[in-house]
Amino acid sequence: VDSIMCREEEQAHASSMYYLTKSLDTTRMVI
């Protein structure tokens, strides 16, 4: 996600990975 600084799709991907991970496991930190 090399253009994550400004590109909406890549920001959405990083955020989606955070929330996907949280949806499967709320017991740990997600970075």
ModelCIF file with pLDDT and N, C-alpha, C, O atoms, coordinates in Angstrom:
data_MODEL
#
_entry.id   MODEL 
#
_entity.id                         1 
_entity.type                       polymer 
_entity.pdbx_number_of_molecules   1 
#
_entity_poly.entity_id                      1 
_entity_poly.type                           'polypeptide(L)' 
_entity_poly.nstd_linkage                   no 
_entity_poly.nstd_monomer                   no 
_entity_poly.pdbx_seq_one_letter_code       VDSIMCREEEQAHASSMYYLTKSLDTTRMVI 
_entity_poly.pdbx_seq_one_letter_code_can   VDSIMCREEEQAHASSMYYLTKSLDTTRMVI 
_entity_poly.pdbx_strand_id                 A 
#
loop_
_entity_poly_seq.entity_id 
_entity_poly_seq.num 
_entity_poly_seq.mon_id 
_entity_poly_seq.hetero 
1 1  VAL n 
1 2  ASP n 
1 3  SER n 
1 4  ILE n 
1 5  MET n 
1 6  CYS n 
1 7  ARG n 
1 8  GLU n 
1 9  GLU n 
1 10 GLU n 
1 11 GLN n 
1 12 ALA n 
1 13 HIS n 
1 14 ALA n 
1 15 SER n 
1 16 SER n 
1 17 MET n 
1 18 TYR n 
1 19 TYR n 
1 20 LEU n 
1 21 THR n 
1 22 LYS n 
1 23 SER n 
1 24 LEU n 
1 25 ASP n 
1 26 THR n 
1 27 THR n 
1 28 ARG n 
1 29 MET n 
1 30 VAL n 
1 31 ILE n 
#
_struct_asym.id          A 
_struct_asym.entity_id   1 
#
loop_
_ma_qa_metric.id 
_ma_qa_metric.mode 
_ma_qa_metric.name 
_ma_qa_metric.software_group_id 
_ma_qa_metric.type 
1 global pLDDT . pLDDT 
2 local  pLDDT . pLDDT 
#
_ma_qa_metric_global.metric_id      1 
_ma_qa_metric_global.metric_value   96.87 
_ma_qa_metric_global.model_id       1 
_ma_qa_metric_global.ordinal_id     1 
#
loop_
_ma_qa_metric_local.label_asym_id 
_ma_qa_metric_local.label_comp_id 
_ma_qa_metric_local.label_seq_id 
_ma_qa_metric_local.metric_id 
_ma_qa_metric_local.metric_value 
_ma_qa_metric_local.model_id 
_ma_qa_metric_local.ordinal_id 
A VAL 1  2 96.00 1 1  
A ASP 2  2 95.00 1 2  
A SER 3  2 96.00 1 3  
A ILE 4  2 96.00 1 4  
A MET 5  2 95.00 1 5  
A CYS 6  2 93.00 1 6  
A ARG 7  2 95.00 1 7  
A GLU 8  2 95.00 1 8  
A GLU 9  2 95.00 1 9  
A GLU 10 2 97.00 1 10 
A GLN 11 2 97.00 1 11 
A ALA 12 2 97.00 1 12 
A HIS 13 2 97.00 1 13 
A ALA 14 2 97.00 1 14 
A SER 15 2 97.00 1 15 
A SER 16 2 97.00 1 16 
A MET 17 2 98.00 1 17 
A TYR 18 2 98.00 1 18 
A TYR 19 2 98.00 1 19 
A LEU 20 2 98.00 1 20 
A THR 21 2 98.00 1 21 
A LYS 22 2 98.00 1 22 
A SER 23 2 98.00 1 23 
A LEU 24 2 98.00 1 24 
A ASP 25 2 98.00 1 25 
A THR 26 2 97.00 1 26 
A THR 27 2 98.00 1 27 
A ARG 28 2 98.00 1 28 
A MET 29 2 98.00 1 29 
A VAL 30 2 98.00 1 30 
A ILE 31 2 97.00 1 31 
#
loop_
_atom_site.group_PDB 
_atom_site.id 
_atom_site.type_symbol 
_atom_site.label_atom_id 
_atom_site.label_alt_id 
_atom_site.label_comp_id 
_atom_site.label_asym_id 
_atom_site.label_entity_id 
_atom_site.label_seq_id 
_atom_site.pdbx_PDB_ins_code 
_atom_site.Cartn_x 
_atom_site.Cartn_y 
_atom_site.Cartn_z 
_atom_site.occupancy 
_atom_site.B_iso_or_equiv 
_atom_site.pdbx_formal_charge 
_atom_site.auth_seq_id 
_atom_site.auth_comp_id 
_atom_site.auth_asym_id 
_atom_site.auth_atom_id 
_atom_site.pdbx_PDB_model_num 
ATOM 1   N N  . VAL A 1 1  ? 0.873   -1.195  0.000  1.00 96.00 ? 1  VAL A N  1 
ATOM 2   C CA . VAL A 1 1  ? 0.000   0.000   0.000  1.00 96.00 ? 1  VAL A CA 1 
ATOM 3   C C  . VAL A 1 1  ? 0.904   1.237   0.000  1.00 96.00 ? 1  VAL A C  1 
ATOM 4   O O  . VAL A 1 1  ? 0.819   2.087   0.887  1.00 96.00 ? 1  VAL A O  1 
ATOM 5   N N  . ASP A 1 2  ? 1.754   1.316   -0.996 1.00 95.00 ? 2  ASP A N  1 
ATOM 6   C CA . ASP A 1 2  ? 2.801   2.325   -1.011 1.00 95.00 ? 2  ASP A CA 1 
ATOM 7   C C  . ASP A 1 2  ? 2.265   3.749   -1.103 1.00 95.00 ? 2  ASP A C  1 
ATOM 8   O O  . ASP A 1 2  ? 2.955   4.698   -0.731 1.00 95.00 ? 2  ASP A O  1 
ATOM 9   N N  . SER A 1 3  ? 1.027   3.903   -1.601 1.00 96.00 ? 3  SER A N  1 
ATOM 10  C CA . SER A 1 3  ? 0.435   5.240   -1.729 1.00 96.00 ? 3  SER A CA 1 
ATOM 11  C C  . SER A 1 3  ? -0.611  5.510   -0.662 1.00 96.00 ? 3  SER A C  1 
ATOM 12  O O  . SER A 1 3  ? -1.515  6.321   -0.860 1.00 96.00 ? 3  SER A O  1 
ATOM 13  N N  . ILE A 1 4  ? -0.486  4.825   0.473  1.00 96.00 ? 4  ILE A N  1 
ATOM 14  C CA . ILE A 1 4  ? -1.502  4.923   1.519  1.00 96.00 ? 4  ILE A CA 1 
ATOM 15  C C  . ILE A 1 4  ? -1.625  6.328   2.102  1.00 96.00 ? 4  ILE A C  1 
ATOM 16  O O  . ILE A 1 4  ? -2.676  6.687   2.631  1.00 96.00 ? 4  ILE A O  1 
ATOM 17  N N  . MET A 1 5  ? -0.575  7.114   2.010  1.00 95.00 ? 5  MET A N  1 
ATOM 18  C CA . MET A 1 5  ? -0.610  8.455   2.579  1.00 95.00 ? 5  MET A CA 1 
ATOM 19  C C  . MET A 1 5  ? -1.807  9.244   2.056  1.00 95.00 ? 5  MET A C  1 
ATOM 20  O O  . MET A 1 5  ? -2.462  9.953   2.820  1.00 95.00 ? 5  MET A O  1 
ATOM 21  N N  . CYS A 1 6  ? -2.096  9.127   0.759  1.00 93.00 ? 6  CYS A N  1 
ATOM 22  C CA . CYS A 1 6  ? -3.149  9.946   0.157  1.00 93.00 ? 6  CYS A CA 1 
ATOM 23  C C  . CYS A 1 6  ? -4.219  9.138   -0.580 1.00 93.00 ? 6  CYS A C  1 
ATOM 24  O O  . CYS A 1 6  ? -5.315  9.649   -0.812 1.00 93.00 ? 6  CYS A O  1 
ATOM 25  N N  . ARG A 1 7  ? -3.928  7.904   -0.947 1.00 95.00 ? 7  ARG A N  1 
ATOM 26  C CA . ARG A 1 7  ? -4.856  7.144   -1.789 1.00 95.00 ? 7  ARG A CA 1 
ATOM 27  C C  . ARG A 1 7  ? -5.942  6.479   -0.956 1.00 95.00 ? 7  ARG A C  1 
ATOM 28  O O  . ARG A 1 7  ? -5.656  5.699   -0.047 1.00 95.00 ? 7  ARG A O  1 
ATOM 29  N N  . GLU A 1 8  ? -7.192  6.797   -1.277 1.00 95.00 ? 8  GLU A N  1 
ATOM 30  C CA . GLU A 1 8  ? -8.316  6.351   -0.462 1.00 95.00 ? 8  GLU A CA 1 
ATOM 31  C C  . GLU A 1 8  ? -8.452  4.833   -0.450 1.00 95.00 ? 8  GLU A C  1 
ATOM 32  O O  . GLU A 1 8  ? -8.750  4.245   0.590  1.00 95.00 ? 8  GLU A O  1 
ATOM 33  N N  . GLU A 1 9  ? -8.231  4.183   -1.623 1.00 95.00 ? 9  GLU A N  1 
ATOM 34  C CA . GLU A 1 9  ? -8.401  2.729   -1.666 1.00 95.00 ? 9  GLU A CA 1 
ATOM 35  C C  . GLU A 1 9  ? -7.436  2.032   -0.719 1.00 95.00 ? 9  GLU A C  1 
ATOM 36  O O  . GLU A 1 9  ? -7.808  1.071   -0.046 1.00 95.00 ? 9  GLU A O  1 
ATOM 37  N N  . GLU A 1 10 ? -6.206  2.508   -0.664 1.00 97.00 ? 10 GLU A N  1 
ATOM 38  C CA . GLU A 1 10 ? -5.205  1.858   0.175  1.00 97.00 ? 10 GLU A CA 1 
ATOM 39  C C  . GLU A 1 10 ? -5.443  2.157   1.650  1.00 97.00 ? 10 GLU A C  1 
ATOM 40  O O  . GLU A 1 10 ? -5.205  1.302   2.503  1.00 97.00 ? 10 GLU A O  1 
ATOM 41  N N  . GLN A 1 11 ? -5.908  3.357   1.951  1.00 97.00 ? 11 GLN A N  1 
ATOM 42  C CA . GLN A 1 11 ? -6.310  3.646   3.332  1.00 97.00 ? 11 GLN A CA 1 
ATOM 43  C C  . GLN A 1 11 ? -7.473  2.756   3.751  1.00 97.00 ? 11 GLN A C  1 
ATOM 44  O O  . GLN A 1 11 ? -7.503  2.227   4.862  1.00 97.00 ? 11 GLN A O  1 
ATOM 45  N N  . ALA A 1 12 ? -8.424  2.603   2.841  1.00 97.00 ? 12 ALA A N  1 
ATOM 46  C CA . ALA A 1 12 ? -9.584  1.755   3.130  1.00 97.00 ? 12 ALA A CA 1 
ATOM 47  C C  . ALA A 1 12 ? -9.143  0.308   3.360  1.00 97.00 ? 12 ALA A C  1 
ATOM 48  O O  . ALA A 1 12 ? -9.689  -0.388  4.216  1.00 97.00 ? 12 ALA A O  1 
ATOM 49  N N  . HIS A 1 13 ? -8.149  -0.133  2.586  1.00 97.00 ? 13 HIS A N  1 
ATOM 50  C CA . HIS A 1 13 ? -7.653  -1.499  2.760  1.00 97.00 ? 13 HIS A CA 1 
ATOM 51  C C  . HIS A 1 13 ? -7.023  -1.678  4.139  1.00 97.00 ? 13 HIS A C  1 
ATOM 52  O O  . HIS A 1 13 ? -7.318  -2.651  4.833  1.00 97.00 ? 13 HIS A O  1 
ATOM 53  N N  . ALA A 1 14 ? -6.152  -0.739  4.543  1.00 97.00 ? 14 ALA A N  1 
ATOM 54  C CA . ALA A 1 14 ? -5.519  -0.838  5.855  1.00 97.00 ? 14 ALA A CA 1 
ATOM 55  C C  . ALA A 1 14 ? -6.561  -0.811  6.969  1.00 97.00 ? 14 ALA A C  1 
ATOM 56  O O  . ALA A 1 14 ? -6.481  -1.579  7.928  1.00 97.00 ? 14 ALA A O  1 
ATOM 57  N N  . SER A 1 15 ? -7.532  0.076   6.830  1.00 97.00 ? 15 SER A N  1 
ATOM 58  C CA . SER A 1 15 ? -8.597  0.151   7.839  1.00 97.00 ? 15 SER A CA 1 
ATOM 59  C C  . SER A 1 15 ? -9.439  -1.114  7.834  1.00 97.00 ? 15 SER A C  1 
ATOM 60  O O  . SER A 1 15 ? -9.835  -1.608  8.890  1.00 97.00 ? 15 SER A O  1 
ATOM 61  N N  . SER A 1 16 ? -9.711  -1.639  6.643  1.00 97.00 ? 16 SER A N  1 
ATOM 62  C CA . SER A 1 16 ? -10.517 -2.855  6.563  1.00 97.00 ? 16 SER A CA 1 
ATOM 63  C C  . SER A 1 16 ? -9.784  -4.031  7.193  1.00 97.00 ? 16 SER A C  1 
ATOM 64  O O  . SER A 1 16 ? -10.412 -4.884  7.819  1.00 97.00 ? 16 SER A O  1 
ATOM 65  N N  . MET A 1 17 ? -8.453  -4.088  7.038  1.00 98.00 ? 17 MET A N  1 
ATOM 66  C CA . MET A 1 17 ? -7.698  -5.159  7.674  1.00 98.00 ? 17 MET A CA 1 
ATOM 67  C C  . MET A 1 17 ? -7.736  -5.027  9.194  1.00 98.00 ? 17 MET A C  1 
ATOM 68  O O  . MET A 1 17 ? -7.791  -6.027  9.909  1.00 98.00 ? 17 MET A O  1 
ATOM 69  N N  . TYR A 1 18 ? -7.707  -3.786  9.682  1.00 98.00 ? 18 TYR A N  1 
ATOM 70  C CA . TYR A 1 18 ? -7.831  -3.563  11.122 1.00 98.00 ? 18 TYR A CA 1 
ATOM 71  C C  . TYR A 1 18 ? -9.185  -4.071  11.615 1.00 98.00 ? 18 TYR A C  1 
ATOM 72  O O  . TYR A 1 18 ? -9.256  -4.824  12.586 1.00 98.00 ? 18 TYR A O  1 
ATOM 73  N N  . TYR A 1 19 ? -10.261 -3.653  10.939 1.00 98.00 ? 19 TYR A N  1 
ATOM 74  C CA . TYR A 1 19 ? -11.598 -4.021  11.413 1.00 98.00 ? 19 TYR A CA 1 
ATOM 75  C C  . TYR A 1 19 ? -11.903 -5.496  11.160 1.00 98.00 ? 19 TYR A C  1 
ATOM 76  O O  . TYR A 1 19 ? -12.590 -6.129  11.961 1.00 98.00 ? 19 TYR A O  1 
ATOM 77  N N  . LEU A 1 20 ? -11.404 -6.043  10.063 1.00 98.00 ? 20 LEU A N  1 
ATOM 78  C CA . LEU A 1 20 ? -11.567 -7.481  9.829  1.00 98.00 ? 20 LEU A CA 1 
ATOM 79  C C  . LEU A 1 20 ? -10.905 -8.270  10.955 1.00 98.00 ? 20 LEU A C  1 
ATOM 80  O O  . LEU A 1 20 ? -11.487 -9.212  11.494 1.00 98.00 ? 20 LEU A O  1 
ATOM 81  N N  . THR A 1 21 ? -9.690  -7.876  11.300 1.00 98.00 ? 21 THR A N  1 
ATOM 82  C CA . THR A 1 21 ? -8.972  -8.564  12.369 1.00 98.00 ? 21 THR A CA 1 
ATOM 83  C C  . THR A 1 21 ? -9.717  -8.432  13.688 1.00 98.00 ? 21 THR A C  1 
ATOM 84  O O  . THR A 1 21 ? -9.846  -9.403  14.433 1.00 98.00 ? 21 THR A O  1 
ATOM 85  N N  . LYS A 1 22 ? -10.204 -7.234  13.976 1.00 98.00 ? 22 LYS A N  1 
ATOM 86  C CA . LYS A 1 22 ? -10.972 -7.018  15.207 1.00 98.00 ? 22 LYS A CA 1 
ATOM 87  C C  . LYS A 1 22 ? -12.273 -7.822  15.207 1.00 98.00 ? 22 LYS A C  1 
ATOM 88  O O  . LYS A 1 22 ? -12.720 -8.292  16.253 1.00 98.00 ? 22 LYS A O  1 
ATOM 89  N N  . SER A 1 23 ? -12.872 -7.975  14.032 1.00 98.00 ? 23 SER A N  1 
ATOM 90  C CA . SER A 1 23 ? -14.138 -8.717  13.971 1.00 98.00 ? 23 SER A CA 1 
ATOM 91  C C  . SER A 1 23 ? -13.929 -10.188 14.310 1.00 98.00 ? 23 SER A C  1 
ATOM 92  O O  . SER A 1 23 ? -14.863 -10.869 14.734 1.00 98.00 ? 23 SER A O  1 
ATOM 93  N N  . LEU A 1 24 ? -12.700 -10.680 14.123 1.00 98.00 ? 24 LEU A N  1 
ATOM 94  C CA . LEU A 1 24 ? -12.397 -12.068 14.421 1.00 98.00 ? 24 LEU A CA 1 
ATOM 95  C C  . LEU A 1 24 ? -11.718 -12.252 15.778 1.00 98.00 ? 24 LEU A C  1 
ATOM 96  O O  . LEU A 1 24 ? -11.697 -13.355 16.325 1.00 98.00 ? 24 LEU A O  1 
ATOM 97  N N  . ASP A 1 25 ? -11.164 -11.163 16.316 1.00 98.00 ? 25 ASP A N  1 
ATOM 98  C CA . ASP A 1 25 ? -10.430 -11.277 17.582 1.00 98.00 ? 25 ASP A CA 1 
ATOM 99  C C  . ASP A 1 25 ? -10.384 -9.913  18.269 1.00 98.00 ? 25 ASP A C  1 
ATOM 100 O O  . ASP A 1 25 ? -9.648  -9.020  17.848 1.00 98.00 ? 25 ASP A O  1 
ATOM 101 N N  . THR A 1 26 ? -11.163 -9.765  19.310 1.00 97.00 ? 26 THR A N  1 
ATOM 102 C CA . THR A 1 26 ? -11.154 -8.517  20.088 1.00 97.00 ? 26 THR A CA 1 
ATOM 103 C C  . THR A 1 26 ? -10.210 -8.592  21.280 1.00 97.00 ? 26 THR A C  1 
ATOM 104 O O  . THR A 1 26 ? -10.121 -7.641  22.057 1.00 97.00 ? 26 THR A O  1 
ATOM 105 N N  . THR A 1 27 ? -9.507  -9.703  21.436 1.00 98.00 ? 27 THR A N  1 
ATOM 106 C CA . THR A 1 27 ? -8.696  -9.911  22.642 1.00 98.00 ? 27 THR A CA 1 
ATOM 107 C C  . THR A 1 27 ? -7.257  -9.440  22.494 1.00 98.00 ? 27 THR A C  1 
ATOM 108 O O  . THR A 1 27 ? -6.491  -9.500  23.456 1.00 98.00 ? 27 THR A O  1 
ATOM 109 N N  . ARG A 1 28 ? -6.870  -8.969  21.301 1.00 98.00 ? 28 ARG A N  1 
ATOM 110 C CA . ARG A 1 28 ? -5.478  -8.589  21.072 1.00 98.00 ? 28 ARG A CA 1 
ATOM 111 C C  . ARG A 1 28 ? -5.393  -7.212  20.431 1.00 98.00 ? 28 ARG A C  1 
ATOM 112 O O  . ARG A 1 28 ? -6.377  -6.685  19.911 1.00 98.00 ? 28 ARG A O  1 
ATOM 113 N N  . MET A 1 29 ? -4.187  -6.639  20.481 1.00 98.00 ? 29 MET A N  1 
ATOM 114 C CA . MET A 1 29 ? -3.908  -5.400  19.782 1.00 98.00 ? 29 MET A CA 1 
ATOM 115 C C  . MET A 1 29 ? -3.831  -5.671  18.273 1.00 98.00 ? 29 MET A C  1 
ATOM 116 O O  . MET A 1 29 ? -3.391  -6.738  17.845 1.00 98.00 ? 29 MET A O  1 
ATOM 117 N N  . VAL A 1 30 ? -4.264  -4.690  17.481 1.00 98.00 ? 30 VAL A N  1 
ATOM 118 C CA . VAL A 1 30 ? -4.127  -4.762  16.030 1.00 98.00 ? 30 VAL A CA 1 
ATOM 119 C C  . VAL A 1 30 ? -3.409  -3.503  15.562 1.00 98.00 ? 30 VAL A C  1 
ATOM 120 O O  . VAL A 1 30 ? -3.802  -2.389  15.909 1.00 98.00 ? 30 VAL A O  1 
ATOM 121 N N  . ILE A 1 31 ? -2.360  -3.686  14.777 1.00 97.00 ? 31 ILE A N  1 
ATOM 122 C CA . ILE A 1 31 ? -1.548  -2.578  14.269 1.00 97.00 ? 31 ILE A CA 1 
ATOM 123 C C  . ILE A 1 31 ? -1.802  -2.486  12.774 1.00 97.00 ? 31 ILE A C  1 
ATOM 124 O O  . ILE A 1 31 ? -1.232  -1.626  12.103 1.00 97.00 ? 31 ILE A O  1 
#
